[in-house]
């Protein structure tokens, strides 16, 4: 069981790290917006995720969905 959990943790490391690339919860909210789950409006003091980090997040979500067998 521990080996399976370790493998899953390592497999998910990219999406985990990307979700914390900026101050929480900005990347999480951006990910939910990208997936169409929320409208993406932020209230101060939160600001939108940077364009470069948004691209990283989109790629990470795409890779994670592919790993999980989810079609986006």
PDB file of N, CA and C in Angstrom:
ATOM      1  N   UNK A   1       0.827  -1.195   0.000  1.00  0.00           N
ATOM      2  CA  UNK A   1       0.000   0.000   0.000  1.00  0.00           C
ATOM      3  C   UNK A   1       0.868   1.255   0.000  1.00  0.00           C
ATOM      4  N   UNK A   2       1.933   1.259   0.781  1.00  0.00           N
ATOM      5  CA  UNK A   2       2.807   2.427   0.844  1.00  0.00           C
ATOM      6  C   UNK A   2       3.452   2.694  -0.508  1.00  0.00           C
ATOM      7  N   UNK A   3       3.883   1.648  -1.197  1.00  0.00           N
ATOM      8  CA  UNK A   3       4.497   1.829  -2.513  1.00  0.00           C
ATOM      9  C   UNK A   3       3.515   2.422  -3.510  1.00  0.00           C
ATOM     10  N   UNK A   4       2.254   1.995  -3.458  1.00  0.00           N
ATOM     11  CA  UNK A   4       1.234   2.537  -4.354  1.00  0.00           C
ATOM     12  C   UNK A   4       0.988   4.012  -4.051  1.00  0.00           C
ATOM     13  N   UNK A   5       0.944   4.356  -2.771  1.00  0.00           N
ATOM     14  CA  UNK A   5       0.735   5.751  -2.376  1.00  0.00           C
ATOM     15  C   UNK A   5       1.922   6.617  -2.793  1.00  0.00           C
ATOM     16  N   UNK A   6       3.120   6.087  -2.639  1.00  0.00           N
ATOM     17  CA  UNK A   6       4.319   6.823  -3.037  1.00  0.00           C
ATOM     18  C   UNK A   6       4.331   7.051  -4.541  1.00  0.00           C
ATOM     19  N   UNK A   7       3.989   6.027  -5.310  1.00  0.00           N
ATOM     20  CA  UNK A   7       3.938   6.158  -6.765  1.00  0.00           C
ATOM     21  C   UNK A   7       2.907   7.203  -7.171  1.00  0.00           C
ATOM     22  N   UNK A   8       1.731   7.160  -6.562  1.00  0.00           N
ATOM     23  CA  UNK A   8       0.690   8.134  -6.875  1.00  0.00           C
ATOM     24  C   UNK A   8       1.155   9.550  -6.539  1.00  0.00           C
ATOM     25  N   UNK A   9       1.790   9.711  -5.385  1.00  0.00           N
ATOM     26  CA  UNK A   9       2.315  11.020  -4.979  1.00  0.00           C
ATOM     27  C   UNK A   9       3.323  11.536  -6.009  1.00  0.00           C
ATOM     28  N   UNK A  10       4.236  10.677  -6.424  1.00  0.00           N
ATOM     29  CA  UNK A  10       5.245  11.083  -7.407  1.00  0.00           C
ATOM     30  C   UNK A  10       4.621  11.384  -8.768  1.00  0.00           C
ATOM     31  N   UNK A  11       3.620  10.590  -9.159  1.00  0.00           N
ATOM     32  CA  UNK A  11       2.935  10.815 -10.431  1.00  0.00           C
ATOM     33  C   UNK A  11       2.187  12.148 -10.438  1.00  0.00           C
ATOM     34  N   UNK A  12       1.716  12.570  -9.273  1.00  0.00           N
ATOM     35  CA  UNK A  12       0.925  13.799  -9.169  1.00  0.00           C
ATOM     36  C   UNK A  12       1.768  15.018  -8.806  1.00  0.00           C
ATOM     37  N   UNK A  13       3.062  14.844  -8.649  1.00  0.00           N
ATOM     38  CA  UNK A  13       3.928  15.924  -8.182  1.00  0.00           C
ATOM     39  C   UNK A  13       3.889  17.160  -9.080  1.00  0.00           C
ATOM     40  N   UNK A  14       3.802  16.970 -10.387  1.00  0.00           N
ATOM     41  CA  UNK A  14       3.757  18.113 -11.305  1.00  0.00           C
ATOM     42  C   UNK A  14       2.535  18.992 -11.036  1.00  0.00           C
ATOM     43  N   UNK A  15       1.350  18.399 -10.961  1.00  0.00           N
ATOM     44  CA  UNK A  15       0.137  19.196 -10.734  1.00  0.00           C
ATOM     45  C   UNK A  15       0.151  19.800  -9.333  1.00  0.00           C
ATOM     46  N   UNK A  16       0.654  19.061  -8.360  1.00  0.00           N
ATOM     47  CA  UNK A  16       0.730  19.582  -6.989  1.00  0.00           C
ATOM     48  C   UNK A  16       1.630  20.812  -6.950  1.00  0.00           C
ATOM     49  N   UNK A  17       2.814  20.707  -7.523  1.00  0.00           N
ATOM     50  CA  UNK A  17       3.744  21.842  -7.525  1.00  0.00           C
ATOM     51  C   UNK A  17       3.181  23.030  -8.300  1.00  0.00           C
ATOM     52  N   UNK A  18       2.522  22.761  -9.410  1.00  0.00           N
ATOM     53  CA  UNK A  18       1.963  23.841 -10.218  1.00  0.00           C
ATOM     54  C   UNK A  18       0.838  24.560  -9.480  1.00  0.00           C
ATOM     55  N   UNK A  19       0.063  23.835  -8.687  1.00  0.00           N
ATOM     56  CA  UNK A  19      -1.023  24.466  -7.933  1.00  0.00           C
ATOM     57  C   UNK A  19      -0.511  25.373  -6.821  1.00  0.00           C
ATOM     58  N   UNK A  20       0.780  25.315  -6.542  1.00  0.00           N
ATOM     59  CA  UNK A  20       1.362  26.188  -5.521  1.00  0.00           C
ATOM     60  C   UNK A  20       2.446  27.092  -6.112  1.00  0.00           C
ATOM     61  N   UNK A  21       2.380  27.332  -7.424  1.00  0.00           N
ATOM     62  CA  UNK A  21       3.396  28.139  -8.097  1.00  0.00           C
ATOM     63  C   UNK A  21       3.280  29.621  -7.728  1.00  0.00           C
ATOM     64  N   UNK A  22       2.109  30.037  -7.305  1.00  0.00           N
ATOM     65  CA  UNK A  22       1.878  31.396  -6.811  1.00  0.00           C
ATOM     66  C   UNK A  22       1.154  31.277  -5.481  1.00  0.00           C
ATOM     67  N   UNK A  23       0.884  32.417  -4.874  1.00  0.00           N
ATOM     68  CA  UNK A  23       0.221  32.434  -3.575  1.00  0.00           C
ATOM     69  C   UNK A  23      -1.121  31.720  -3.644  1.00  0.00           C
ATOM     70  N   UNK A  24      -1.337  30.805  -2.705  1.00  0.00           N
ATOM     71  CA  UNK A  24      -2.598  30.096  -2.594  1.00  0.00           C
ATOM     72  C   UNK A  24      -3.681  31.096  -2.196  1.00  0.00           C
ATOM     73  N   UNK A  25      -4.863  31.052  -2.755  1.00  0.00           N
ATOM     74  CA  UNK A  25      -5.483  30.075  -3.646  1.00  0.00           C
ATOM     75  C   UNK A  25      -5.510  30.490  -5.114  1.00  0.00           C
ATOM     76  N   UNK A  26      -4.655  31.421  -5.520  1.00  0.00           N
ATOM     77  CA  UNK A  26      -4.712  31.940  -6.894  1.00  0.00           C
ATOM     78  C   UNK A  26      -4.598  30.832  -7.949  1.00  0.00           C
ATOM     79  N   UNK A  27      -3.600  29.936  -7.897  1.00  0.00           N
ATOM     80  CA  UNK A  27      -3.519  28.885  -8.919  1.00  0.00           C
ATOM     81  C   UNK A  27      -4.687  27.892  -8.861  1.00  0.00           C
ATOM     82  N   UNK A  28      -5.186  27.624  -7.675  1.00  0.00           N
ATOM     83  CA  UNK A  28      -6.320  26.697  -7.543  1.00  0.00           C
ATOM     84  C   UNK A  28      -7.550  27.298  -8.211  1.00  0.00           C
ATOM     85  N   UNK A  29      -7.802  28.569  -7.951  1.00  0.00           N
ATOM     86  CA  UNK A  29      -8.946  29.236  -8.576  1.00  0.00           C
ATOM     87  C   UNK A  29      -8.756  29.324 -10.090  1.00  0.00           C
ATOM     88  N   UNK A  30      -7.533  29.578 -10.531  1.00  0.00           N
ATOM     89  CA  UNK A  30      -7.256  29.620 -11.970  1.00  0.00           C
ATOM     90  C   UNK A  30      -7.503  28.249 -12.602  1.00  0.00           C
ATOM     91  N   UNK A  31      -7.100  27.191 -11.923  1.00  0.00           N
ATOM     92  CA  UNK A  31      -7.325  25.834 -12.439  1.00  0.00           C
ATOM     93  C   UNK A  31      -8.817  25.545 -12.557  1.00  0.00           C
ATOM     94  N   UNK A  32      -9.578  25.933 -11.549  1.00  0.00           N
ATOM     95  CA  UNK A  32     -11.027  25.721 -11.599  1.00  0.00           C
ATOM     96  C   UNK A  32     -11.660  26.523 -12.728  1.00  0.00           C
ATOM     97  N   UNK A  33     -11.149  27.728 -12.972  1.00  0.00           N
ATOM     98  CA  UNK A  33     -11.646  28.534 -14.090  1.00  0.00           C
ATOM     99  C   UNK A  33     -11.306  27.867 -15.421  1.00  0.00           C
ATOM    100  N   UNK A  34     -10.082  27.399 -15.568  1.00  0.00           N
ATOM    101  CA  UNK A  34      -9.651  26.725 -16.795  1.00  0.00           C
ATOM    102  C   UNK A  34     -10.531  25.511 -17.073  1.00  0.00           C
ATOM    103  N   UNK A  35     -10.919  24.797 -16.023  1.00  0.00           N
ATOM    104  CA  UNK A  35     -11.757  23.601 -16.172  1.00  0.00           C
ATOM    105  C   UNK A  35     -13.237  23.939 -16.302  1.00  0.00           C
ATOM    106  N   UNK A  36     -13.580  25.246 -16.235  1.00  0.00           N
ATOM    107  CA  UNK A  36     -14.969  25.665 -16.408  1.00  0.00           C
ATOM    108  C   UNK A  36     -15.843  25.474 -15.185  1.00  0.00           C
ATOM    109  N   UNK A  37     -15.227  25.342 -14.013  1.00  0.00           N
ATOM    110  CA  UNK A  37     -15.987  25.093 -12.784  1.00  0.00           C
ATOM    111  C   UNK A  37     -16.418  26.381 -12.083  1.00  0.00           C
ATOM    112  N   UNK A  38     -15.649  27.470 -12.258  1.00  0.00           N
ATOM    113  CA  UNK A  38     -15.992  28.761 -11.663  1.00  0.00           C
ATOM    114  C   UNK A  38     -15.760  29.845 -12.706  1.00  0.00           C
ATOM    115  N   UNK A  39     -16.265  31.059 -12.422  1.00  0.00           N
ATOM    116  CA  UNK A  39     -16.127  32.148 -13.394  1.00  0.00           C
ATOM    117  C   UNK A  39     -14.780  32.850 -13.322  1.00  0.00           C
ATOM    118  N   UNK A  40     -14.011  32.650 -12.292  1.00  0.00           N
ATOM    119  CA  UNK A  40     -12.664  33.191 -12.207  1.00  0.00           C
ATOM    120  C   UNK A  40     -12.536  34.585 -11.644  1.00  0.00           C
ATOM    121  N   UNK A  41     -13.642  35.175 -11.199  1.00  0.00           N
ATOM    122  CA  UNK A  41     -13.548  36.500 -10.587  1.00  0.00           C
ATOM    123  C   UNK A  41     -12.818  36.402  -9.258  1.00  0.00           C
ATOM    124  N   UNK A  42     -11.926  37.355  -9.022  1.00  0.00           N
ATOM    125  CA  UNK A  42     -11.177  37.403  -7.771  1.00  0.00           C
ATOM    126  C   UNK A  42     -11.483  38.708  -7.056  1.00  0.00           C
ATOM    127  N   UNK A  43     -11.495  38.640  -5.732  1.00  0.00           N
ATOM    128  CA  UNK A  43     -11.638  39.851  -4.927  1.00  0.00           C
ATOM    129  C   UNK A  43     -10.276  40.198  -4.353  1.00  0.00           C
ATOM    130  N   UNK A  44     -10.041  41.497  -4.200  1.00  0.00           N
ATOM    131  CA  UNK A  44      -8.793  41.933  -3.579  1.00  0.00           C
ATOM    132  C   UNK A  44      -8.670  41.311  -2.203  1.00  0.00           C
ATOM    133  N   UNK A  45      -7.503  40.927  -1.798  1.00  0.00           N
ATOM    134  CA  UNK A  45      -6.195  41.259  -2.348  1.00  0.00           C
ATOM    135  C   UNK A  45      -5.692  40.266  -3.394  1.00  0.00           C
ATOM    136  N   UNK A  46      -6.519  39.313  -3.822  1.00  0.00           N
ATOM    137  CA  UNK A  46      -6.072  38.355  -4.836  1.00  0.00           C
ATOM    138  C   UNK A  46      -5.981  39.030  -6.195  1.00  0.00           C
ATOM    139  N   UNK A  47      -4.996  38.613  -6.978  1.00  0.00           N
ATOM    140  CA  UNK A  47      -4.822  39.109  -8.342  1.00  0.00           C
ATOM    141  C   UNK A  47      -4.763  37.903  -9.274  1.00  0.00           C
ATOM    142  N   UNK A  48      -5.049  38.099 -10.563  1.00  0.00           N
ATOM    143  CA  UNK A  48      -5.005  36.967 -11.499  1.00  0.00           C
ATOM    144  C   UNK A  48      -3.612  36.342 -11.577  1.00  0.00           C
ATOM    145  N   UNK A  49      -3.590  35.071 -11.900  1.00  0.00           N
ATOM    146  CA  UNK A  49      -2.331  34.357 -12.089  1.00  0.00           C
ATOM    147  C   UNK A  49      -1.592  34.969 -13.282  1.00  0.00           C
ATOM    148  N   UNK A  50      -0.276  34.968 -13.238  1.00  0.00           N
ATOM    149  CA  UNK A  50       0.507  35.531 -14.350  1.00  0.00           C
ATOM    150  C   UNK A  50       0.282  34.699 -15.613  1.00  0.00           C
ATOM    151  N   UNK A  51       0.452  35.334 -16.765  1.00  0.00           N
ATOM    152  CA  UNK A  51       0.240  34.642 -18.039  1.00  0.00           C
ATOM    153  C   UNK A  51       1.150  33.425 -18.190  1.00  0.00           C
ATOM    154  N   UNK A  52       2.418  33.575 -17.806  1.00  0.00           N
ATOM    155  CA  UNK A  52       3.354  32.453 -17.952  1.00  0.00           C
ATOM    156  C   UNK A  52       2.972  31.296 -17.032  1.00  0.00           C
ATOM    157  N   UNK A  53       2.553  31.610 -15.814  1.00  0.00           N
ATOM    158  CA  UNK A  53       2.138  30.547 -14.892  1.00  0.00           C
ATOM    159  C   UNK A  53       0.808  29.938 -15.312  1.00  0.00           C
ATOM    160  N   UNK A  54      -0.058  30.732 -15.946  1.00  0.00           N
ATOM    161  CA  UNK A  54      -1.319  30.194 -16.464  1.00  0.00           C
ATOM    162  C   UNK A  54      -1.030  29.143 -17.540  1.00  0.00           C
ATOM    163  N   UNK A  55      -0.058  29.428 -18.413  1.00  0.00           N
ATOM    164  CA  UNK A  55       0.317  28.461 -19.446  1.00  0.00           C
ATOM    165  C   UNK A  55       0.873  27.178 -18.825  1.00  0.00           C
ATOM    166  N   UNK A  56       1.704  27.323 -17.798  1.00  0.00           N
ATOM    167  CA  UNK A  56       2.216  26.145 -17.083  1.00  0.00           C
ATOM    168  C   UNK A  56       1.073  25.345 -16.468  1.00  0.00           C
ATOM    169  N   UNK A  57       0.103  26.052 -15.905  1.00  0.00           N
ATOM    170  CA  UNK A  57      -1.043  25.398 -15.272  1.00  0.00           C
ATOM    171  C   UNK A  57      -1.886  24.658 -16.302  1.00  0.00           C
ATOM    172  N   UNK A  58      -2.128  25.279 -17.438  1.00  0.00           N
ATOM    173  CA  UNK A  58      -2.896  24.625 -18.506  1.00  0.00           C
ATOM    174  C   UNK A  58      -2.204  23.335 -18.945  1.00  0.00           C
ATOM    175  N   UNK A  59      -0.904  23.399 -19.136  1.00  0.00           N
ATOM    176  CA  UNK A  59      -0.138  22.212 -19.546  1.00  0.00           C
ATOM    177  C   UNK A  59      -0.172  21.133 -18.464  1.00  0.00           C
ATOM    178  N   UNK A  60      -0.050  21.544 -17.219  1.00  0.00           N
ATOM    179  CA  UNK A  60      -0.065  20.597 -16.109  1.00  0.00           C
ATOM    180  C   UNK A  60      -1.431  19.918 -15.981  1.00  0.00           C
ATOM    181  N   UNK A  61      -2.498  20.685 -16.147  1.00  0.00           N
ATOM    182  CA  UNK A  61      -3.859  20.118 -16.102  1.00  0.00           C
ATOM    183  C   UNK A  61      -4.042  19.135 -17.247  1.00  0.00           C
ATOM    184  N   UNK A  62      -3.562  19.506 -18.433  1.00  0.00           N
ATOM    185  CA  UNK A  62      -3.657  18.617 -19.597  1.00  0.00           C
ATOM    186  C   UNK A  62      -2.938  17.299 -19.327  1.00  0.00           C
ATOM    187  N   UNK A  63      -1.728  17.381 -18.795  1.00  0.00           N
ATOM    188  CA  UNK A  63      -0.961  16.175 -18.484  1.00  0.00           C
ATOM    189  C   UNK A  63      -1.640  15.338 -17.407  1.00  0.00           C
ATOM    190  N   UNK A  64      -2.175  15.996 -16.389  1.00  0.00           N
ATOM    191  CA  UNK A  64      -2.854  15.277 -15.314  1.00  0.00           C
ATOM    192  C   UNK A  64      -4.108  14.576 -15.840  1.00  0.00           C
ATOM    193  N   UNK A  65      -4.884  15.274 -16.665  1.00  0.00           N
ATOM    194  CA  UNK A  65      -6.083  14.658 -17.242  1.00  0.00           C
ATOM    195  C   UNK A  65      -5.718  13.453 -18.097  1.00  0.00           C
ATOM    196  N   UNK A  66      -4.635  13.572 -18.845  1.00  0.00           N
ATOM    197  CA  UNK A  66      -4.174  12.449 -19.666  1.00  0.00           C
ATOM    198  C   UNK A  66      -3.775  11.273 -18.773  1.00  0.00           C
ATOM    199  N   UNK A  67      -3.054  11.556 -17.705  1.00  0.00           N
ATOM    200  CA  UNK A  67      -2.640  10.518 -16.753  1.00  0.00           C
ATOM    201  C   UNK A  67      -3.855   9.820 -16.141  1.00  0.00           C
ATOM    202  N   UNK A  68      -4.884  10.612 -15.814  1.00  0.00           N
ATOM    203  CA  UNK A  68      -6.083  10.064 -15.174  1.00  0.00           C
ATOM    204  C   UNK A  68      -7.058   9.458 -16.183  1.00  0.00           C
ATOM    205  N   UNK A  69      -6.799   9.644 -17.473  1.00  0.00           N
ATOM    206  CA  UNK A  69      -7.691   9.110 -18.493  1.00  0.00           C
ATOM    207  C   UNK A  69      -8.945   9.934 -18.675  1.00  0.00           C
ATOM    208  N   UNK A  70      -8.843  11.232 -18.386  1.00  0.00           N
ATOM    209  CA  UNK A  70      -9.981  12.143 -18.509  1.00  0.00           C
ATOM    210  C   UNK A  70      -9.832  12.916 -19.803  1.00  0.00           C
ATOM    211  N   UNK A  71     -10.901  12.950 -20.606  1.00  0.00           N
ATOM    212  CA  UNK A  71     -10.847  13.771 -21.816  1.00  0.00           C
ATOM    213  C   UNK A  71     -11.374  15.154 -21.482  1.00  0.00           C
ATOM    214  N   UNK A  72     -10.616  16.168 -21.873  1.00  0.00           N
ATOM    215  CA  UNK A  72     -11.001  17.545 -21.539  1.00  0.00           C
ATOM    216  C   UNK A  72     -11.625  18.239 -22.715  1.00  0.00           C
TER     217      UNK A  72
END
